Amino acid sequence: MLDIRFSRALQAMLYLAAAAEGDGATVSSGRLAETLGTNPSLVRKLLVPLGAGGLVESTRGRSGGARLARPAGEITLAEIHRCAVGEKPLWACSPETEHVCPVTPHAAAYFAVLTADVERAVQASLEGRTLADALREMRGLERAAR
């Protein structure tokens, strides 16, 4: 099963970054939910780890909502990923099986090393990109699509 927490968190953060460029007002969970095609309750759950990570500030109440806690140029995609996904690995090794051939006794160890290498590469790629960079790239894609 695919984990969509990072893509949803990134979409929400991109929306908040665009809002910050405008009037900087907070965005309600209802508005974010509409944008993400989901419900406000899920959006609030999505915002909790982003808030705990210092990326989003939220206010409660009728006129409440969320906004970026820092400028978009100071928030890396790696931070958003860590907040959204936590310590969950990109993928998991299949459970150990009976060692019936020369490969199976070492498959789990090999897969663990491979997974660690891939996760380091993903984090390095995301660390080199800010939320502001992502917003610029998204707008470039929009212009190219016209």
C-alpha atoms as a PDB file:
ATOM      1  CA  MET A   1       0.000   0.000   0.000  1.00  0.00           C
ATOM      2  CA  LEU A   2       1.368   3.410  -0.944  1.00  0.00           C
ATOM      3  CA  ASP A   3       1.862   6.020   1.750  1.00  0.00           C
ATOM      4  CA  ILE A   4       0.460   9.365   0.621  1.00  0.00           C
ATOM      5  CA  ARG A   5       1.197  11.368   3.776  1.00  0.00           C
ATOM      6  CA  PHE A   6       4.204  13.145   2.262  1.00  0.00           C
ATOM      7  CA  SER A   7       2.435  14.084  -0.964  1.00  0.00           C
ATOM      8  CA  ARG A   8      -0.593  15.358   0.994  1.00  0.00           C
ATOM      9  CA  ALA A   9       1.594  17.277   3.436  1.00  0.00           C
ATOM     10  CA  LEU A  10       3.579  18.794   0.572  1.00  0.00           C
ATOM     11  CA  GLN A  11       0.378  19.853  -1.207  1.00  0.00           C
ATOM     12  CA  ALA A  12      -0.908  21.490   1.975  1.00  0.00           C
ATOM     13  CA  MET A  13       2.412  23.235   2.564  1.00  0.00           C
ATOM     14  CA  LEU A  14       2.508  24.479  -1.045  1.00  0.00           C
ATOM     15  CA  TYR A  15      -0.978  25.918  -0.604  1.00  0.00           C
ATOM     16  CA  LEU A  16       0.067  27.615   2.646  1.00  0.00           C
ATOM     17  CA  ALA A  17       3.199  28.971   0.939  1.00  0.00           C
ATOM     18  CA  ALA A  18       1.097  30.478  -1.848  1.00  0.00           C
ATOM     19  CA  ALA A  19      -1.264  31.975   0.740  1.00  0.00           C
ATOM     20  CA  ALA A  20       1.709  33.459   2.612  1.00  0.00           C
ATOM     21  CA  GLU A  21       2.748  35.293  -0.551  1.00  0.00           C
ATOM     22  CA  GLY A  22      -0.694  36.897  -0.708  1.00  0.00           C
ATOM     23  CA  ASP A  23      -2.167  38.428   2.392  1.00  0.00           C
ATOM     24  CA  GLY A  24      -0.509  35.912   4.725  1.00  0.00           C
ATOM     25  CA  ALA A  25      -3.845  35.068   6.325  1.00  0.00           C
ATOM     26  CA  THR A  26      -4.438  31.715   7.896  1.00  0.00           C
ATOM     27  CA  VAL A  27      -6.124  29.023   5.824  1.00  0.00           C
ATOM     28  CA  SER A  28      -8.944  27.043   7.390  1.00  0.00           C
ATOM     29  CA  SER A  29      -8.836  23.260   7.552  1.00  0.00           C
ATOM     30  CA  GLY A  30     -12.036  23.319   5.498  1.00  0.00           C
ATOM     31  CA  ARG A  31     -10.335  25.265   2.703  1.00  0.00           C
ATOM     32  CA  LEU A  32      -7.271  22.991   2.806  1.00  0.00           C
ATOM     33  CA  ALA A  33      -9.540  19.934   2.756  1.00  0.00           C
ATOM     34  CA  GLU A  34     -11.342  21.290  -0.305  1.00  0.00           C
ATOM     35  CA  THR A  35      -8.006  21.868  -2.025  1.00  0.00           C
ATOM     36  CA  LEU A  36      -6.748  18.368  -1.176  1.00  0.00           C
ATOM     37  CA  GLY A  37     -10.049  16.680  -1.972  1.00  0.00           C
ATOM     38  CA  THR A  38     -10.473  15.277   1.520  1.00  0.00           C
ATOM     39  CA  ASN A  39     -12.190  16.160   4.794  1.00  0.00           C
ATOM     40  CA  PRO A  40     -11.200  18.794   7.396  1.00  0.00           C
ATOM     41  CA  SER A  41     -10.626  16.171  10.092  1.00  0.00           C
ATOM     42  CA  LEU A  42      -7.944  14.461   8.006  1.00  0.00           C
ATOM     43  CA  VAL A  43      -6.331  17.829   7.275  1.00  0.00           C
ATOM     44  CA  ARG A  44      -6.165  18.651  10.986  1.00  0.00           C
ATOM     45  CA  LYS A  45      -4.491  15.277  11.637  1.00  0.00           C
ATOM     46  CA  LEU A  46      -2.041  16.031   8.819  1.00  0.00           C
ATOM     47  CA  LEU A  47      -1.207  19.434  10.323  1.00  0.00           C
ATOM     48  CA  VAL A  48      -0.421  18.105  13.814  1.00  0.00           C
ATOM     49  CA  PRO A  49       3.062  16.712  13.021  1.00  0.00           C
ATOM     50  CA  LEU A  50       3.817  19.716  10.785  1.00  0.00           C
ATOM     51  CA  GLY A  51       2.997  21.970  13.728  1.00  0.00           C
ATOM     52  CA  ALA A  52       5.032  19.845  16.136  1.00  0.00           C
ATOM     53  CA  GLY A  53       7.951  20.120  13.710  1.00  0.00           C
ATOM     54  CA  GLY A  54       7.758  23.912  13.735  1.00  0.00           C
ATOM     55  CA  LEU A  55       6.650  24.191  10.117  1.00  0.00           C
ATOM     56  CA  VAL A  56       3.037  25.306  10.631  1.00  0.00           C
ATOM     57  CA  GLU A  57       1.256  27.498  13.155  1.00  0.00           C
ATOM     58  CA  SER A  58      -2.407  26.832  13.803  1.00  0.00           C
ATOM     59  CA  THR A  59      -5.075  28.814  15.578  1.00  0.00           C
ATOM     60  CA  ARG A  60      -8.352  27.335  16.729  1.00  0.00           C
ATOM     61  CA  GLY A  61     -11.819  28.700  16.522  1.00  0.00           C
ATOM     62  CA  ARG A  62     -14.199  30.115  13.987  1.00  0.00           C
ATOM     63  CA  SER A  63     -11.628  32.386  12.353  1.00  0.00           C
ATOM     64  CA  GLY A  64      -8.751  29.974  12.966  1.00  0.00           C
ATOM     65  CA  GLY A  65      -6.600  28.161  10.512  1.00  0.00           C
ATOM     66  CA  ALA A  66      -3.038  27.310   9.618  1.00  0.00           C
ATOM     67  CA  ARG A  67      -0.126  29.251   8.162  1.00  0.00           C
ATOM     68  CA  LEU A  68       3.580  28.685   7.668  1.00  0.00           C
ATOM     69  CA  ALA A  69       5.603  29.114  10.843  1.00  0.00           C
ATOM     70  CA  ARG A  70       8.671  30.173   8.822  1.00  0.00           C
ATOM     71  CA  PRO A  71       9.238  31.601   5.358  1.00  0.00           C
ATOM     72  CA  ALA A  72       8.912  29.031   2.566  1.00  0.00           C
ATOM     73  CA  GLY A  73      12.558  29.569   1.624  1.00  0.00           C
ATOM     74  CA  GLU A  74      13.614  28.317   5.054  1.00  0.00           C
ATOM     75  CA  ILE A  75      11.585  25.080   5.012  1.00  0.00           C
ATOM     76  CA  THR A  76      13.149  22.107   3.256  1.00  0.00           C
ATOM     77  CA  LEU A  77      11.200  19.305   1.662  1.00  0.00           C
ATOM     78  CA  ALA A  78      13.186  16.948   3.900  1.00  0.00           C
ATOM     79  CA  GLU A  79      11.649  18.617   6.963  1.00  0.00           C
ATOM     80  CA  ILE A  80       8.166  18.199   5.533  1.00  0.00           C
ATOM     81  CA  HIS A  81       8.925  14.552   4.735  1.00  0.00           C
ATOM     82  CA  ARG A  82      10.255  13.842   8.242  1.00  0.00           C
ATOM     83  CA  CYS A  83       7.201  15.460   9.848  1.00  0.00           C
ATOM     84  CA  ALA A  84       4.702  13.721   7.585  1.00  0.00           C
ATOM     85  CA  VAL A  85       6.220  10.251   7.534  1.00  0.00           C
ATOM     86  CA  GLY A  86       8.223  10.106  10.746  1.00  0.00           C
ATOM     87  CA  GLU A  87      10.496   7.110  11.102  1.00  0.00           C
ATOM     88  CA  LYS A  88       8.501   4.899   8.751  1.00  0.00           C
ATOM     89  CA  PRO A  89      10.881   3.442   6.129  1.00  0.00           C
ATOM     90  CA  LEU A  90      10.280   3.985   2.421  1.00  0.00           C
ATOM     91  CA  TRP A  91       9.643   0.273   2.118  1.00  0.00           C
ATOM     92  CA  ALA A  92       9.894  -2.784   4.300  1.00  0.00           C
ATOM     93  CA  CYS A  93      11.708  -6.027   3.760  1.00  0.00           C
ATOM     94  CA  SER A  94       9.567  -9.094   3.399  1.00  0.00           C
ATOM     95  CA  PRO A  95       9.586 -11.301   6.480  1.00  0.00           C
ATOM     96  CA  GLU A  96      12.381 -13.809   6.916  1.00  0.00           C
ATOM     97  CA  THR A  97      11.672 -17.090   5.217  1.00  0.00           C
ATOM     98  CA  GLU A  98      13.109 -20.535   5.570  1.00  0.00           C
ATOM     99  CA  HIS A  99      16.639 -20.598   4.214  1.00  0.00           C
ATOM    100  CA  VAL A 100      16.225 -22.883   1.248  1.00  0.00           C
ATOM    101  CA  CYS A 101      18.891 -21.522  -1.064  1.00  0.00           C
ATOM    102  CA  PRO A 102      22.207 -19.643  -0.905  1.00  0.00           C
ATOM    103  CA  VAL A 103      20.434 -16.265  -1.336  1.00  0.00           C
ATOM    104  CA  THR A 104      17.704 -16.263   1.318  1.00  0.00           C
ATOM    105  CA  PRO A 105      19.966 -16.244   4.414  1.00  0.00           C
ATOM    106  CA  HIS A 106      21.378 -12.864   3.366  1.00  0.00           C
ATOM    107  CA  ALA A 107      18.385 -11.255   1.635  1.00  0.00           C
ATOM    108  CA  ALA A 108      17.128  -9.359   4.704  1.00  0.00           C
ATOM    109  CA  ALA A 109      20.583  -7.956   5.529  1.00  0.00           C
ATOM    110  CA  TYR A 110      21.147  -6.913   1.930  1.00  0.00           C
ATOM    111  CA  PHE A 111      17.715  -5.304   1.726  1.00  0.00           C
ATOM    112  CA  ALA A 112      18.335  -3.372   4.953  1.00  0.00           C
ATOM    113  CA  VAL A 113      21.552  -1.903   3.522  1.00  0.00           C
ATOM    114  CA  LEU A 114      19.851  -1.121   0.206  1.00  0.00           C
ATOM    115  CA  THR A 115      16.940   0.577   1.996  1.00  0.00           C
ATOM    116  CA  ALA A 116      19.292   2.701   4.099  1.00  0.00           C
ATOM    117  CA  ASP A 117      21.187   3.808   0.974  1.00  0.00           C
ATOM    118  CA  VAL A 118      17.990   4.763  -0.845  1.00  0.00           C
ATOM    119  CA  GLU A 119      16.599   6.622   2.173  1.00  0.00           C
ATOM    120  CA  ARG A 120      19.840   8.640   2.469  1.00  0.00           C
ATOM    121  CA  ALA A 121      19.615   9.530  -1.228  1.00  0.00           C
ATOM    122  CA  VAL A 122      15.966  10.590  -0.898  1.00  0.00           C
ATOM    123  CA  GLN A 123      16.697  12.720   2.172  1.00  0.00           C
ATOM    124  CA  ALA A 124      19.689  14.342   0.439  1.00  0.00           C
ATOM    125  CA  SER A 125      17.545  15.212  -2.572  1.00  0.00           C
ATOM    126  CA  LEU A 126      14.771  16.645  -0.401  1.00  0.00           C
ATOM    127  CA  GLU A 127      17.253  18.519   1.811  1.00  0.00           C
ATOM    128  CA  GLY A 128      18.485  20.412  -1.230  1.00  0.00           C
ATOM    129  CA  ARG A 129      15.012  21.760  -2.042  1.00  0.00           C
ATOM    130  CA  THR A 130      12.989  24.338  -0.168  1.00  0.00           C
ATOM    131  CA  LEU A 131       9.255  24.846  -0.143  1.00  0.00           C
ATOM    132  CA  ALA A 132       9.835  28.091  -2.076  1.00  0.00           C
ATOM    133  CA  ASP A 133      11.794  26.132  -4.713  1.00  0.00           C
ATOM    134  CA  ALA A 134       8.941  23.641  -5.004  1.00  0.00           C
ATOM    135  CA  LEU A 135       6.378  26.429  -5.411  1.00  0.00           C
ATOM    136  CA  ARG A 136       8.472  27.981  -8.209  1.00  0.00           C
ATOM    137  CA  GLU A 137       8.816  24.593  -9.914  1.00  0.00           C
ATOM    138  CA  MET A 138       5.061  23.983  -9.664  1.00  0.00           C
ATOM    139  CA  ARG A 139       4.336  27.367 -11.208  1.00  0.00           C
ATOM    140  CA  GLY A 140       6.809  26.576 -13.986  1.00  0.00           C
ATOM    141  CA  LEU A 141       4.931  23.351 -14.713  1.00  0.00           C
ATOM    142  CA  GLU A 142       1.688  25.320 -14.801  1.00  0.00           C
ATOM    143  CA  ARG A 143       3.125  27.814 -17.324  1.00  0.00           C
ATOM    144  CA  ALA A 144       4.543  25.004 -19.458  1.00  0.00           C
ATOM    145  CA  ALA A 145       1.142  23.270 -19.542  1.00  0.00           C
ATOM    146  CA  ARG A 146      -0.547  26.328 -21.099  1.00  0.00           C
END
